[in-house]
């Protein structure tokens, strides 16, 4: 067998020699990588592909960078497409982002463009996973940071597109404007929630009925040990109110008394 070929131990450093020994232990044909021109990392990736019974040809180029070795190894081990991306000039990091999207089971067609940086690809993938309309920020002129702010805002349900010009331009200080929009939207929805609870509390008999009514109009209600959280309609962030079920019971009883007193005053006025 070719594995029985003798090698000059002095040609290899200790890490490289370890990979040769592991290859022999694994029962793979180490002659594929028994060359001191390969780093021990490169040797290990070839060995793992061989041990998995895969074709290691793509990994045998000696001038591959560590990133390229890692991407090709990942593709070969998971039976992923890689050659068409290499032929189209994609970097190893770009191919990795596409590969991870494929592994996540999402549509990677929006990021199959070499003009996107790996960081931009990541932000687009993040939006696709969240189910938002990524076309709003699929613009190679946007920085990964700007993309991240747009993505986060869209995930929370904010109308961030209102800040984007018709030509796709972003205003000066865009990230800060998104933060300010978020803060204003949260304050507005908190005021709306409090007013809605007060209004419904005039007729709700108990917390269950109050929460059910809130859910009917689009709120998501979650009760905690010390707080109750509400997700407003068409939004994806929580508004936390420091009140337990017992606090809501007390609140509803108070509202009933207020309503009763108001009715009694109205009766007196009519008489």
C-alpha atoms as a PDB file:
ATOM      1  CA  UNK A   1       0.000   0.000   0.000  1.00  0.00           C
ATOM      2  CA  UNK A   2       1.033   3.569  -0.591  1.00  0.00           C
ATOM      3  CA  UNK A   3       0.613   4.264   3.124  1.00  0.00           C
ATOM      4  CA  UNK A   4       3.701   2.149   3.671  1.00  0.00           C
ATOM      5  CA  UNK A   5       5.877   4.682   1.878  1.00  0.00           C
ATOM      6  CA  UNK A   6       8.660   5.999   4.106  1.00  0.00           C
ATOM      7  CA  UNK A   7       8.837   9.722   4.883  1.00  0.00           C
ATOM      8  CA  UNK A   8      11.720  11.763   6.196  1.00  0.00           C
ATOM      9  CA  UNK A   9      10.558  12.883   9.634  1.00  0.00           C
ATOM     10  CA  UNK A  10      12.930  15.841   9.504  1.00  0.00           C
ATOM     11  CA  UNK A  11      10.897  17.352   6.652  1.00  0.00           C
ATOM     12  CA  UNK A  12       7.853  17.794   8.901  1.00  0.00           C
ATOM     13  CA  UNK A  13       7.301  19.709  12.109  1.00  0.00           C
ATOM     14  CA  UNK A  14       5.680  17.944  15.067  1.00  0.00           C
ATOM     15  CA  UNK A  15       2.148  19.111  14.210  1.00  0.00           C
ATOM     16  CA  UNK A  16       2.459  17.948  10.592  1.00  0.00           C
ATOM     17  CA  UNK A  17       3.871  14.613  11.686  1.00  0.00           C
ATOM     18  CA  UNK A  18       0.950  14.184  14.081  1.00  0.00           C
ATOM     19  CA  UNK A  19      -1.456  14.578  11.162  1.00  0.00           C
ATOM     20  CA  UNK A  20       0.369  11.879   9.243  1.00  0.00           C
ATOM     21  CA  UNK A  21       0.171   9.546  12.232  1.00  0.00           C
ATOM     22  CA  UNK A  22      -3.537  10.297  12.692  1.00  0.00           C
ATOM     23  CA  UNK A  23      -4.103   9.615   9.001  1.00  0.00           C
ATOM     24  CA  UNK A  24      -2.470   6.220   9.314  1.00  0.00           C
ATOM     25  CA  UNK A  25      -4.589   5.540  12.389  1.00  0.00           C
ATOM     26  CA  UNK A  26      -7.723   6.564  10.448  1.00  0.00           C
ATOM     27  CA  UNK A  27      -6.779   4.281   7.584  1.00  0.00           C
ATOM     28  CA  UNK A  28      -6.703   7.045   4.963  1.00  0.00           C
ATOM     29  CA  UNK A  29      -4.233   7.444   2.114  1.00  0.00           C
ATOM     30  CA  UNK A  30      -1.814   9.968   3.630  1.00  0.00           C
ATOM     31  CA  UNK A  31       0.112  10.336   0.388  1.00  0.00           C
ATOM     32  CA  UNK A  32      -2.519  12.917  -0.592  1.00  0.00           C
ATOM     33  CA  UNK A  33      -1.153  15.320   2.023  1.00  0.00           C
ATOM     34  CA  UNK A  34       2.241  13.972   3.016  1.00  0.00           C
ATOM     35  CA  UNK A  35       3.985  17.114   1.858  1.00  0.00           C
ATOM     36  CA  UNK A  36       5.678  19.634   4.191  1.00  0.00           C
ATOM     37  CA  UNK A  37       4.302  22.407   1.952  1.00  0.00           C
ATOM     38  CA  UNK A  38       0.926  21.830   3.634  1.00  0.00           C
ATOM     39  CA  UNK A  39       0.351  23.386   7.049  1.00  0.00           C
ATOM     40  CA  UNK A  40      -0.817  21.045   9.783  1.00  0.00           C
ATOM     41  CA  UNK A  41      -4.237  22.742   9.600  1.00  0.00           C
ATOM     42  CA  UNK A  42      -4.430  22.088   5.852  1.00  0.00           C
ATOM     43  CA  UNK A  43      -3.344  18.495   6.421  1.00  0.00           C
ATOM     44  CA  UNK A  44      -6.044  17.997   9.050  1.00  0.00           C
ATOM     45  CA  UNK A  45      -8.791  19.251   6.743  1.00  0.00           C
ATOM     46  CA  UNK A  46      -7.645  16.945   3.921  1.00  0.00           C
ATOM     47  CA  UNK A  47      -7.463  14.036   6.361  1.00  0.00           C
ATOM     48  CA  UNK A  48     -10.999  14.674   7.631  1.00  0.00           C
ATOM     49  CA  UNK A  49     -12.386  14.800   4.092  1.00  0.00           C
ATOM     50  CA  UNK A  50     -10.631  11.554   3.198  1.00  0.00           C
ATOM     51  CA  UNK A  51     -11.861   9.883   6.391  1.00  0.00           C
ATOM     52  CA  UNK A  52     -15.428  10.940   5.466  1.00  0.00           C
ATOM     53  CA  UNK A  53     -15.013   9.191   2.131  1.00  0.00           C
ATOM     54  CA  UNK A  54     -15.186  12.425   0.125  1.00  0.00           C
ATOM     55  CA  UNK A  55     -13.174  13.606  -2.867  1.00  0.00           C
ATOM     56  CA  UNK A  56     -10.404  15.854  -1.537  1.00  0.00           C
ATOM     57  CA  UNK A  57      -9.175  17.116  -4.925  1.00  0.00           C
ATOM     58  CA  UNK A  58     -10.389  20.684  -4.368  1.00  0.00           C
ATOM     59  CA  UNK A  59      -8.290  20.892  -1.189  1.00  0.00           C
ATOM     60  CA  UNK A  60      -5.022  19.762  -2.722  1.00  0.00           C
ATOM     61  CA  UNK A  61      -3.923  23.168  -4.046  1.00  0.00           C
ATOM     62  CA  UNK A  62      -1.003  24.193  -1.884  1.00  0.00           C
ATOM     63  CA  UNK A  63      -1.556  27.955  -2.196  1.00  0.00           C
ATOM     64  CA  UNK A  64      -4.995  27.954  -0.530  1.00  0.00           C
ATOM     65  CA  UNK A  65      -5.365  30.403   2.351  1.00  0.00           C
ATOM     66  CA  UNK A  66      -6.563  29.055   5.722  1.00  0.00           C
ATOM     67  CA  UNK A  67      -9.959  30.690   5.097  1.00  0.00           C
ATOM     68  CA  UNK A  68     -10.242  29.010   1.707  1.00  0.00           C
ATOM     69  CA  UNK A  69      -9.252  25.678   3.198  1.00  0.00           C
ATOM     70  CA  UNK A  70     -11.944  26.048   5.868  1.00  0.00           C
ATOM     71  CA  UNK A  71     -14.664  26.991   3.371  1.00  0.00           C
ATOM     72  CA  UNK A  72     -13.801  24.179   0.954  1.00  0.00           C
ATOM     73  CA  UNK A  73     -13.633  21.674   3.812  1.00  0.00           C
ATOM     74  CA  UNK A  74     -17.077  22.770   5.035  1.00  0.00           C
ATOM     75  CA  UNK A  75     -18.523  22.519   1.506  1.00  0.00           C
ATOM     76  CA  UNK A  76     -17.053  19.069   0.870  1.00  0.00           C
ATOM     77  CA  UNK A  77     -18.146  17.691   4.232  1.00  0.00           C
ATOM     78  CA  UNK A  78     -21.712  18.962   3.733  1.00  0.00           C
ATOM     79  CA  UNK A  79     -22.020  18.354  -0.020  1.00  0.00           C
ATOM     80  CA  UNK A  80     -22.513  22.059  -0.736  1.00  0.00           C
ATOM     81  CA  UNK A  81     -21.964  23.960  -3.991  1.00  0.00           C
ATOM     82  CA  UNK A  82     -18.763  25.944  -4.036  1.00  0.00           C
ATOM     83  CA  UNK A  83     -17.173  25.817  -7.487  1.00  0.00           C
ATOM     84  CA  UNK A  84     -19.559  28.266  -9.159  1.00  0.00           C
ATOM     85  CA  UNK A  85     -18.822  30.812  -6.413  1.00  0.00           C
ATOM     86  CA  UNK A  86     -15.077  30.369  -6.773  1.00  0.00           C
ATOM     87  CA  UNK A  87     -15.387  30.753 -10.545  1.00  0.00           C
ATOM     88  CA  UNK A  88     -17.404  33.951 -10.044  1.00  0.00           C
ATOM     89  CA  UNK A  89     -14.750  35.545  -7.848  1.00  0.00           C
ATOM     90  CA  UNK A  90     -16.384  35.196  -4.436  1.00  0.00           C
ATOM     91  CA  UNK A  91     -14.026  35.308  -1.472  1.00  0.00           C
ATOM     92  CA  UNK A  92     -13.851  32.487   1.057  1.00  0.00           C
ATOM     93  CA  UNK A  93     -15.744  34.579   3.614  1.00  0.00           C
ATOM     94  CA  UNK A  94     -18.500  35.361   1.112  1.00  0.00           C
ATOM     95  CA  UNK A  95     -18.851  31.692   0.186  1.00  0.00           C
ATOM     96  CA  UNK A  96     -19.010  30.832   3.883  1.00  0.00           C
ATOM     97  CA  UNK A  97     -21.935  33.233   4.420  1.00  0.00           C
ATOM     98  CA  UNK A  98     -23.792  31.684   1.486  1.00  0.00           C
ATOM     99  CA  UNK A  99     -23.058  28.187   2.750  1.00  0.00           C
ATOM    100  CA  UNK A 100     -24.352  28.991   6.224  1.00  0.00           C
ATOM    101  CA  UNK A 101     -27.528  30.381   4.670  1.00  0.00           C
ATOM    102  CA  UNK A 102     -28.011  27.145   2.742  1.00  0.00           C
ATOM    103  CA  UNK A 103     -27.460  25.161   5.941  1.00  0.00           C
ATOM    104  CA  UNK A 104     -30.106  27.345   7.637  1.00  0.00           C
ATOM    105  CA  UNK A 105     -32.548  26.435   4.884  1.00  0.00           C
ATOM    106  CA  UNK A 106     -33.157  29.980   3.645  1.00  0.00           C
ATOM    107  CA  UNK A 107     -33.275  31.419   0.133  1.00  0.00           C
ATOM    108  CA  UNK A 108     -29.725  32.630  -0.533  1.00  0.00           C
ATOM    109  CA  UNK A 109     -30.417  34.141  -3.958  1.00  0.00           C
ATOM    110  CA  UNK A 110     -30.541  37.715  -2.542  1.00  0.00           C
ATOM    111  CA  UNK A 111     -26.907  37.431  -1.381  1.00  0.00           C
ATOM    112  CA  UNK A 112     -25.446  35.590  -4.391  1.00  0.00           C
ATOM    113  CA  UNK A 113     -23.720  38.738  -5.570  1.00  0.00           C
ATOM    114  CA  UNK A 114     -19.998  39.236  -5.114  1.00  0.00           C
ATOM    115  CA  UNK A 115     -20.434  42.994  -4.599  1.00  0.00           C
ATOM    116  CA  UNK A 116     -21.827  42.354  -1.111  1.00  0.00           C
ATOM    117  CA  UNK A 117     -19.284  42.080   1.684  1.00  0.00           C
ATOM    118  CA  UNK A 118     -19.593  39.083   4.022  1.00  0.00           C
ATOM    119  CA  UNK A 119     -20.888  41.454   6.714  1.00  0.00           C
ATOM    120  CA  UNK A 120     -23.594  42.787   4.374  1.00  0.00           C
ATOM    121  CA  UNK A 121     -24.541  39.237   3.416  1.00  0.00           C
ATOM    122  CA  UNK A 122     -24.943  38.412   7.098  1.00  0.00           C
ATOM    123  CA  UNK A 123     -27.363  41.298   7.685  1.00  0.00           C
ATOM    124  CA  UNK A 124     -29.469  40.316   4.667  1.00  0.00           C
ATOM    125  CA  UNK A 125     -29.549  36.700   5.881  1.00  0.00           C
ATOM    126  CA  UNK A 126     -30.605  37.929   9.303  1.00  0.00           C
ATOM    127  CA  UNK A 127     -33.594  39.675   7.758  1.00  0.00           C
ATOM    128  CA  UNK A 128     -34.539  36.691   5.599  1.00  0.00           C
ATOM    129  CA  UNK A 129     -34.540  34.464   8.685  1.00  0.00           C
ATOM    130  CA  UNK A 130     -36.797  36.957  10.478  1.00  0.00           C
ATOM    131  CA  UNK A 131     -39.232  37.012   7.565  1.00  0.00           C
ATOM    132  CA  UNK A 132     -38.955  40.730   6.797  1.00  0.00           C
ATOM    133  CA  UNK A 133     -38.728  42.431   3.394  1.00  0.00           C
ATOM    134  CA  UNK A 134     -34.966  42.659   2.910  1.00  0.00           C
ATOM    135  CA  UNK A 135     -35.364  44.394  -0.447  1.00  0.00           C
ATOM    136  CA  UNK A 136     -35.663  47.601   1.569  1.00  0.00           C
ATOM    137  CA  UNK A 137     -31.960  47.415   2.403  1.00  0.00           C
ATOM    138  CA  UNK A 138     -30.487  45.183  -0.298  1.00  0.00           C
ATOM    139  CA  UNK A 139     -28.179  47.966  -1.363  1.00  0.00           C
ATOM    140  CA  UNK A 140     -24.403  47.407  -1.615  1.00  0.00           C
ATOM    141  CA  UNK A 141     -23.885  51.120  -0.879  1.00  0.00           C
ATOM    142  CA  UNK A 142     -25.287  50.692   2.623  1.00  0.00           C
ATOM    143  CA  UNK A 143     -22.712  49.877   5.269  1.00  0.00           C
ATOM    144  CA  UNK A 144     -23.205  46.676   7.301  1.00  0.00           C
ATOM    145  CA  UNK A 145     -23.981  48.934  10.282  1.00  0.00           C
ATOM    146  CA  UNK A 146     -26.733  50.794   8.422  1.00  0.00           C
ATOM    147  CA  UNK A 147     -28.098  47.476   7.170  1.00  0.00           C
ATOM    148  CA  UNK A 148     -28.112  46.200  10.746  1.00  0.00           C
ATOM    149  CA  UNK A 149     -30.096  49.199  11.995  1.00  0.00           C
ATOM    150  CA  UNK A 150     -32.634  48.878   9.172  1.00  0.00           C
ATOM    151  CA  UNK A 151     -32.947  45.135   9.764  1.00  0.00           C
ATOM    152  CA  UNK A 152     -33.443  45.535  13.525  1.00  0.00           C
ATOM    153  CA  UNK A 153     -36.027  48.282  13.000  1.00  0.00           C
ATOM    154  CA  UNK A 154     -37.989  46.220  10.469  1.00  0.00           C
ATOM    155  CA  UNK A 155     -37.931  43.194  12.778  1.00  0.00           C
ATOM    156  CA  UNK A 156     -39.464  45.359  15.509  1.00  0.00           C
ATOM    157  CA  UNK A 157     -42.111  46.584  13.087  1.00  0.00           C
ATOM    158  CA  UNK A 158     -40.892  50.170  12.828  1.00  0.00           C
ATOM    159  CA  UNK A 159     -41.631  52.103   9.595  1.00  0.00           C
ATOM    160  CA  UNK A 160     -37.932  52.744   9.025  1.00  0.00           C
ATOM    161  CA  UNK A 161     -38.487  53.057   5.260  1.00  0.00           C
ATOM    162  CA  UNK A 162     -39.894  56.511   6.016  1.00  0.00           C
ATOM    163  CA  UNK A 163     -36.314  57.612   6.720  1.00  0.00           C
ATOM    164  CA  UNK A 164     -34.994  56.310   3.386  1.00  0.00           C
ATOM    165  CA  UNK A 165     -35.049  58.621   0.375  1.00  0.00           C
ATOM    166  CA  UNK A 166     -36.817  57.646  -2.850  1.00  0.00           C
ATOM    167  CA  UNK A 167     -33.393  57.257  -4.420  1.00  0.00           C
ATOM    168  CA  UNK A 168     -32.340  54.935  -1.589  1.00  0.00           C
ATOM    169  CA  UNK A 169     -30.227  57.578   0.143  1.00  0.00           C
ATOM    170  CA  UNK A 170     -29.911  57.582   3.913  1.00  0.00           C
ATOM    171  CA  UNK A 171     -30.006  60.799   5.946  1.00  0.00           C
ATOM    172  CA  UNK A 172     -26.985  62.058   7.847  1.00  0.00           C
ATOM    173  CA  UNK A 173     -26.884  60.468  11.288  1.00  0.00           C
ATOM    174  CA  UNK A 174     -29.120  57.629  10.135  1.00  0.00           C
ATOM    175  CA  UNK A 175     -28.388  55.203  13.034  1.00  0.00           C
ATOM    176  CA  UNK A 176     -29.274  57.883  15.593  1.00  0.00           C
ATOM    177  CA  UNK A 177     -32.483  58.703  13.734  1.00  0.00           C
ATOM    178  CA  UNK A 178     -33.467  55.029  13.864  1.00  0.00           C
ATOM    179  CA  UNK A 179     -32.797  54.987  17.621  1.00  0.00           C
ATOM    180  CA  UNK A 180     -34.931  58.112  18.071  1.00  0.00           C
ATOM    181  CA  UNK A 181     -37.747  56.591  15.981  1.00  0.00           C
ATOM    182  CA  UNK A 182     -37.608  53.483  18.166  1.00  0.00           C
ATOM    183  CA  UNK A 183     -37.796  55.521  21.376  1.00  0.00           C
ATOM    184  CA  UNK A 184     -40.723  57.660  20.139  1.00  0.00           C
ATOM    185  CA  UNK A 185     -42.609  54.613  18.888  1.00  0.00           C
ATOM    186  CA  UNK A 186     -42.196  52.806  22.205  1.00  0.00           C
ATOM    187  CA  UNK A 187     -43.363  55.841  24.209  1.00  0.00           C
ATOM    188  CA  UNK A 188     -46.369  56.295  21.927  1.00  0.00           C
ATOM    189  CA  UNK A 189     -47.375  52.648  22.157  1.00  0.00           C
ATOM    190  CA  UNK A 190     -46.908  52.625  25.915  1.00  0.00           C
ATOM    191  CA  UNK A 191     -49.270  55.600  26.258  1.00  0.00           C
ATOM    192  CA  UNK A 192     -51.742  53.885  23.945  1.00  0.00           C
ATOM    193  CA  UNK A 193     -51.533  50.646  25.932  1.00  0.00           C
ATOM    194  CA  UNK A 194     -52.108  52.385  29.263  1.00  0.00           C
ATOM    195  CA  UNK A 195     -55.079  54.323  27.864  1.00  0.00           C
ATOM    196  CA  UNK A 196     -56.525  51.139  26.349  1.00  0.00           C
ATOM    197  CA  UNK A 197     -56.188  49.242  29.620  1.00  0.00           C
ATOM    198  CA  UNK A 198     -57.920  52.064  31.484  1.00  0.00           C
ATOM    199  CA  UNK A 199     -60.754  52.124  28.970  1.00  0.00           C
ATOM    200  CA  UNK A 200     -61.293  48.367  28.989  1.00  0.00           C
ATOM    201  CA  UNK A 201     -60.982  48.235  32.769  1.00  0.00           C
ATOM    202  CA  UNK A 202     -64.277  50.090  33.110  1.00  0.00           C
ATOM    203  CA  UNK A 203     -66.144  47.005  31.886  1.00  0.00           C
ATOM    204  CA  UNK A 204     -63.737  44.050  32.312  1.00  0.00           C
ATOM    205  CA  UNK A 205     -64.807  41.731  35.139  1.00  0.00           C
ATOM    206  CA  UNK A 206     -61.392  40.153  35.745  1.00  0.00           C
ATOM    207  CA  UNK A 207     -57.806  40.051  34.401  1.00  0.00           C
ATOM    208  CA  UNK A 208     -58.642  37.137  32.079  1.00  0.00           C
ATOM    209  CA  UNK A 209     -61.348  39.133  30.356  1.00  0.00           C
ATOM    210  CA  UNK A 210     -59.141  42.223  30.171  1.00  0.00           C
ATOM    211  CA  UNK A 211     -56.254  40.299  28.632  1.00  0.00           C
ATOM    212  CA  UNK A 212     -58.578  38.480  26.225  1.00  0.00           C
ATOM    213  CA  UNK A 213     -59.938  41.802  24.974  1.00  0.00           C
ATOM    214  CA  UNK A 214     -56.405  43.120  24.519  1.00  0.00           C
ATOM    215  CA  UNK A 215     -55.500  40.028  22.500  1.00  0.00           C
ATOM    216  CA  UNK A 216     -58.598  40.493  20.320  1.00  0.00           C
ATOM    217  CA  UNK A 217     -57.363  43.954  19.298  1.00  0.00           C
ATOM    218  CA  UNK A 218     -53.880  42.642  18.504  1.00  0.00           C
ATOM    219  CA  UNK A 219     -51.810  42.654  21.708  1.00  0.00           C
ATOM    220  CA  UNK A 220     -49.768  39.685  22.875  1.00  0.00           C
ATOM    221  CA  UNK A 221     -49.929  39.367  26.653  1.00  0.00           C
ATOM    222  CA  UNK A 222     -47.471  37.436  28.810  1.00  0.00           C
ATOM    223  CA  UNK A 223     -47.744  37.274  32.576  1.00  0.00           C
ATOM    224  CA  UNK A 224     -44.569  37.045  34.632  1.00  0.00           C
ATOM    225  CA  UNK A 225     -43.811  36.621  38.325  1.00  0.00           C
ATOM    226  CA  UNK A 226     -43.454  40.363  38.948  1.00  0.00           C
ATOM    227  CA  UNK A 227     -44.430  41.989  35.659  1.00  0.00           C
ATOM    228  CA  UNK A 228     -46.781  41.688  32.696  1.00  0.00           C
ATOM    229  CA  UNK A 229     -45.473  42.220  29.171  1.00  0.00           C
ATOM    230  CA  UNK A 230     -47.414  43.380  26.143  1.00  0.00           C
ATOM    231  CA  UNK A 231     -46.398  43.277  22.475  1.00  0.00           C
ATOM    232  CA  UNK A 232     -48.355  45.978  20.593  1.00  0.00           C
ATOM    233  CA  UNK A 233     -50.155  45.224  17.310  1.00  0.00           C
ATOM    234  CA  UNK A 234     -47.809  45.166  14.285  1.00  0.00           C
ATOM    235  CA  UNK A 235     -44.781  45.502  16.549  1.00  0.00           C
ATOM    236  CA  UNK A 236     -42.228  43.022  17.790  1.00  0.00           C
ATOM    237  CA  UNK A 237     -41.023  44.528  21.059  1.00  0.00           C
ATOM    238  CA  UNK A 238     -42.307  44.213  24.577  1.00  0.00           C
ATOM    239  CA  UNK A 239     -43.793  46.895  26.782  1.00  0.00           C
ATOM    240  CA  UNK A 240     -43.216  45.849  30.377  1.00  0.00           C
ATOM    241  CA  UNK A 241     -45.636  46.937  33.096  1.00  0.00           C
ATOM    242  CA  UNK A 242     -44.619  46.255  36.674  1.00  0.00           C
ATOM    243  CA  UNK A 243     -47.903  44.702  37.689  1.00  0.00           C
ATOM    244  CA  UNK A 244     -48.899  41.152  38.596  1.00  0.00           C
ATOM    245  CA  UNK A 245     -52.296  39.478  38.231  1.00  0.00           C
ATOM    246  CA  UNK A 246     -53.087  40.531  41.809  1.00  0.00           C
ATOM    247  CA  UNK A 247     -52.272  44.139  40.924  1.00  0.00           C
ATOM    248  CA  UNK A 248     -54.677  43.983  37.983  1.00  0.00           C
ATOM    249  CA  UNK A 249     -57.392  42.531  40.244  1.00  0.00           C
ATOM    250  CA  UNK A 250     -56.938  45.469  42.626  1.00  0.00           C
ATOM    251  CA  UNK A 251     -56.938  47.872  39.678  1.00  0.00           C
ATOM    252  CA  UNK A 252     -60.182  46.427  38.256  1.00  0.00           C
ATOM    253  CA  UNK A 253     -61.881  46.589  41.666  1.00  0.00           C
ATOM    254  CA  UNK A 254     -60.893  50.230  41.943  1.00  0.00           C
ATOM    255  CA  UNK A 255     -62.225  50.944  38.454  1.00  0.00           C
ATOM    256  CA  UNK A 256     -65.512  49.256  39.382  1.00  0.00           C
ATOM    257  CA  UNK A 257     -65.844  51.550  42.403  1.00  0.00           C
ATOM    258  CA  UNK A 258     -65.081  54.582  40.281  1.00  0.00           C
ATOM    259  CA  UNK A 259     -67.685  53.480  37.743  1.00  0.00           C
ATOM    260  CA  UNK A 260     -70.235  52.821  40.492  1.00  0.00           C
ATOM    261  CA  UNK A 261     -69.648  56.225  42.094  1.00  0.00           C
ATOM    262  CA  UNK A 262     -69.940  57.897  38.711  1.00  0.00           C
ATOM    263  CA  UNK A 263     -73.270  56.167  38.020  1.00  0.00           C
ATOM    264  CA  UNK A 264     -74.590  57.094  41.458  1.00  0.00           C
ATOM    265  CA  UNK A 265     -73.711  60.726  40.854  1.00  0.00           C
ATOM    266  CA  UNK A 266     -75.456  60.627  37.497  1.00  0.00           C
ATOM    267  CA  UNK A 267     -78.609  59.166  39.182  1.00  0.00           C
ATOM    268  CA  UNK A 268     -78.589  61.911  41.800  1.00  0.00           C
ATOM    269  CA  UNK A 269     -78.193  64.553  39.097  1.00  0.00           C
ATOM    270  CA  UNK A 270     -81.174  63.095  37.155  1.00  0.00           C
ATOM    271  CA  UNK A 271     -83.400  63.138  40.257  1.00  0.00           C
END
